[in-house]
Amino acid sequence: MSILIKYSKQNKIVKLLIPKKSYSKEIIIRCLYWYLADYEIELKESWNYNIVIMKSKNDKYFDTNSFENKIKQDLLDYSLRQIIADETKNIKDLIIAKAFASFE
């Protein structure tokens, strides 16, 4: 399953259908945070998809191809960050425990 993107250039609205199996809601929210300066964002859920509706706040030229590439790259980036965070959580916990144990 891939991300489905629908554009309405007239209304300056982008609708993303993101499969729940591909990206968690947390990853989507982290990714979309960086788009808040340029878009009003609404996040909804359906049975199989997280639905993101983004409305442009400005009149800048909207390049659909570059936007599609950027959003896909950003979602992959935050997915990788989450995998690394999950895999290194125990190591971070041990380092913090060791650091505070020295002061007791």
C-alpha atoms as a PDB file:
ATOM      1  CA  MET A   1       0.000   0.000   0.000  1.00  0.00           C
ATOM      2  CA  SER A   2       1.288   3.409  -0.842  1.00  0.00           C
ATOM      3  CA  ILE A   3       0.321   6.937   0.091  1.00  0.00           C
ATOM      4  CA  LEU A   4      -2.482   8.382  -2.005  1.00  0.00           C
ATOM      5  CA  ILE A   5      -2.322  12.119  -2.618  1.00  0.00           C
ATOM      6  CA  LYS A   6      -5.149  14.225  -4.028  1.00  0.00           C
ATOM      7  CA  TYR A   7      -4.718  17.887  -4.938  1.00  0.00           C
ATOM      8  CA  SER A   8      -7.143  20.718  -5.358  1.00  0.00           C
ATOM      9  CA  LYS A   9      -5.047  23.561  -6.747  1.00  0.00           C
ATOM     10  CA  GLN A  10      -8.112  25.767  -6.935  1.00  0.00           C
ATOM     11  CA  ASN A  11      -8.760  25.500  -3.175  1.00  0.00           C
ATOM     12  CA  LYS A  12      -5.073  24.988  -2.303  1.00  0.00           C
ATOM     13  CA  ILE A  13      -5.915  21.752  -0.483  1.00  0.00           C
ATOM     14  CA  VAL A  14      -3.911  18.541  -0.324  1.00  0.00           C
ATOM     15  CA  LYS A  15      -5.507  15.349   0.937  1.00  0.00           C
ATOM     16  CA  LEU A  16      -3.258  12.464   1.951  1.00  0.00           C
ATOM     17  CA  LEU A  17      -4.499   8.933   2.521  1.00  0.00           C
ATOM     18  CA  ILE A  18      -1.766   7.223   4.512  1.00  0.00           C
ATOM     19  CA  PRO A  19      -2.143   3.495   5.211  1.00  0.00           C
ATOM     20  CA  LYS A  20      -2.152   2.737   8.935  1.00  0.00           C
ATOM     21  CA  LYS A  21      -0.020  -0.339   8.258  1.00  0.00           C
ATOM     22  CA  SER A  22       2.736   1.824   6.761  1.00  0.00           C
ATOM     23  CA  TYR A  23       2.971   4.730   9.231  1.00  0.00           C
ATOM     24  CA  SER A  24       1.730   5.200  12.771  1.00  0.00           C
ATOM     25  CA  LYS A  25      -0.268   8.240  13.806  1.00  0.00           C
ATOM     26  CA  GLU A  26       2.669   9.398  15.972  1.00  0.00           C
ATOM     27  CA  ILE A  27       5.053   9.359  13.005  1.00  0.00           C
ATOM     28  CA  ILE A  28       2.568  11.300  10.878  1.00  0.00           C
ATOM     29  CA  ILE A  29       2.089  13.940  13.588  1.00  0.00           C
ATOM     30  CA  ARG A  30       5.849  14.387  14.035  1.00  0.00           C
ATOM     31  CA  CYS A  31       6.312  14.739  10.296  1.00  0.00           C
ATOM     32  CA  LEU A  32       3.457  17.213   9.852  1.00  0.00           C
ATOM     33  CA  TYR A  33       4.702  19.501  12.616  1.00  0.00           C
ATOM     34  CA  TRP A  34       7.186  21.053  10.183  1.00  0.00           C
ATOM     35  CA  TYR A  35       4.388  21.891   7.733  1.00  0.00           C
ATOM     36  CA  LEU A  36       2.358  23.969  10.222  1.00  0.00           C
ATOM     37  CA  ALA A  37       3.943  27.259   9.138  1.00  0.00           C
ATOM     38  CA  ASP A  38       2.551  26.880   5.607  1.00  0.00           C
ATOM     39  CA  TYR A  39      -0.570  24.740   6.088  1.00  0.00           C
ATOM     40  CA  GLU A  40      -3.642  24.362   8.258  1.00  0.00           C
ATOM     41  CA  ILE A  41      -3.660  20.652   9.033  1.00  0.00           C
ATOM     42  CA  GLU A  42      -6.468  18.321  10.020  1.00  0.00           C
ATOM     43  CA  LEU A  43      -5.893  14.654  10.868  1.00  0.00           C
ATOM     44  CA  LYS A  44      -8.722  12.126  10.666  1.00  0.00           C
ATOM     45  CA  GLU A  45      -8.891   8.351  10.807  1.00  0.00           C
ATOM     46  CA  SER A  46     -10.752   5.763   8.806  1.00  0.00           C
ATOM     47  CA  TRP A  47     -10.617   1.992   9.062  1.00  0.00           C
ATOM     48  CA  ASN A  48      -7.432   1.503   6.996  1.00  0.00           C
ATOM     49  CA  TYR A  49      -6.099   5.036   6.573  1.00  0.00           C
ATOM     50  CA  ASN A  50      -4.991   8.112   8.435  1.00  0.00           C
ATOM     51  CA  ILE A  51      -6.438  11.001   6.462  1.00  0.00           C
ATOM     52  CA  VAL A  52      -4.531  14.276   6.401  1.00  0.00           C
ATOM     53  CA  ILE A  53      -6.128  17.414   4.991  1.00  0.00           C
ATOM     54  CA  MET A  54      -3.724  20.297   4.427  1.00  0.00           C
ATOM     55  CA  LYS A  55      -4.871  23.752   3.354  1.00  0.00           C
ATOM     56  CA  SER A  56      -2.261  26.243   2.214  1.00  0.00           C
ATOM     57  CA  LYS A  57      -1.981  29.426   4.301  1.00  0.00           C
ATOM     58  CA  ASN A  58      -0.293  31.443   1.567  1.00  0.00           C
ATOM     59  CA  ASP A  59      -0.400  32.072  -2.153  1.00  0.00           C
ATOM     60  CA  LYS A  60       2.951  30.522  -3.003  1.00  0.00           C
ATOM     61  CA  TYR A  61       3.214  28.411  -6.131  1.00  0.00           C
ATOM     62  CA  PHE A  62       2.429  24.817  -5.246  1.00  0.00           C
ATOM     63  CA  ASP A  63       4.545  22.220  -7.034  1.00  0.00           C
ATOM     64  CA  THR A  64       2.715  18.915  -6.647  1.00  0.00           C
ATOM     65  CA  ASN A  65       5.676  16.736  -7.653  1.00  0.00           C
ATOM     66  CA  SER A  66       8.132  18.275  -5.206  1.00  0.00           C
ATOM     67  CA  PHE A  67       5.510  18.240  -2.428  1.00  0.00           C
ATOM     68  CA  GLU A  68       4.782  14.559  -3.011  1.00  0.00           C
ATOM     69  CA  ASN A  69       8.480  13.684  -2.933  1.00  0.00           C
ATOM     70  CA  LYS A  70       9.080  15.787   0.179  1.00  0.00           C
ATOM     71  CA  ILE A  71       6.180  14.376   2.219  1.00  0.00           C
ATOM     72  CA  LYS A  72       7.148  10.803   1.344  1.00  0.00           C
ATOM     73  CA  GLN A  73      10.791  11.490   2.252  1.00  0.00           C
ATOM     74  CA  ASP A  74       9.771  13.136   5.538  1.00  0.00           C
ATOM     75  CA  LEU A  75       7.542  10.207   6.506  1.00  0.00           C
ATOM     76  CA  LEU A  76      10.377   7.771   5.800  1.00  0.00           C
ATOM     77  CA  ASP A  77      12.754   9.967   7.812  1.00  0.00           C
ATOM     78  CA  TYR A  78      10.495  10.014  10.871  1.00  0.00           C
ATOM     79  CA  SER A  79       9.836   6.293  10.500  1.00  0.00           C
ATOM     80  CA  LEU A  80      13.571   5.639  10.654  1.00  0.00           C
ATOM     81  CA  ARG A  81      13.933   7.956  13.660  1.00  0.00           C
ATOM     82  CA  GLN A  82      11.220   5.969  15.469  1.00  0.00           C
ATOM     83  CA  ILE A  83      12.927   2.644  14.685  1.00  0.00           C
ATOM     84  CA  ILE A  84      16.247   3.967  16.029  1.00  0.00           C
ATOM     85  CA  ALA A  85      14.564   5.374  19.154  1.00  0.00           C
ATOM     86  CA  ASP A  86      12.832   2.044  19.819  1.00  0.00           C
ATOM     87  CA  GLU A  87      16.011   0.018  19.290  1.00  0.00           C
ATOM     88  CA  THR A  88      18.214   2.247  21.453  1.00  0.00           C
ATOM     89  CA  LYS A  89      15.766   2.911  24.307  1.00  0.00           C
ATOM     90  CA  ASN A  90      17.320   0.304  26.614  1.00  0.00           C
ATOM     91  CA  ILE A  91      20.814   1.661  25.996  1.00  0.00           C
ATOM     92  CA  LYS A  92      19.701   5.219  26.813  1.00  0.00           C
ATOM     93  CA  ASP A  93      17.977   3.998  29.982  1.00  0.00           C
ATOM     94  CA  LEU A  94      21.164   2.192  31.083  1.00  0.00           C
ATOM     95  CA  ILE A  95      23.337   5.251  30.426  1.00  0.00           C
ATOM     96  CA  ILE A  96      20.991   7.499  32.410  1.00  0.00           C
ATOM     97  CA  ALA A  97      20.775   5.001  35.281  1.00  0.00           C
ATOM     98  CA  LYS A  98      24.573   4.731  35.363  1.00  0.00           C
ATOM     99  CA  ALA A  99      24.980   8.524  35.329  1.00  0.00           C
ATOM    100  CA  PHE A 100      22.681   9.035  38.291  1.00  0.00           C
ATOM    101  CA  ALA A 101      24.034   6.017  40.200  1.00  0.00           C
ATOM    102  CA  SER A 102      27.435   7.740  40.417  1.00  0.00           C
ATOM    103  CA  PHE A 103      25.986  10.514  42.556  1.00  0.00           C
ATOM    104  CA  GLU A 104      24.469   8.295  45.247  1.00  0.00           C
END
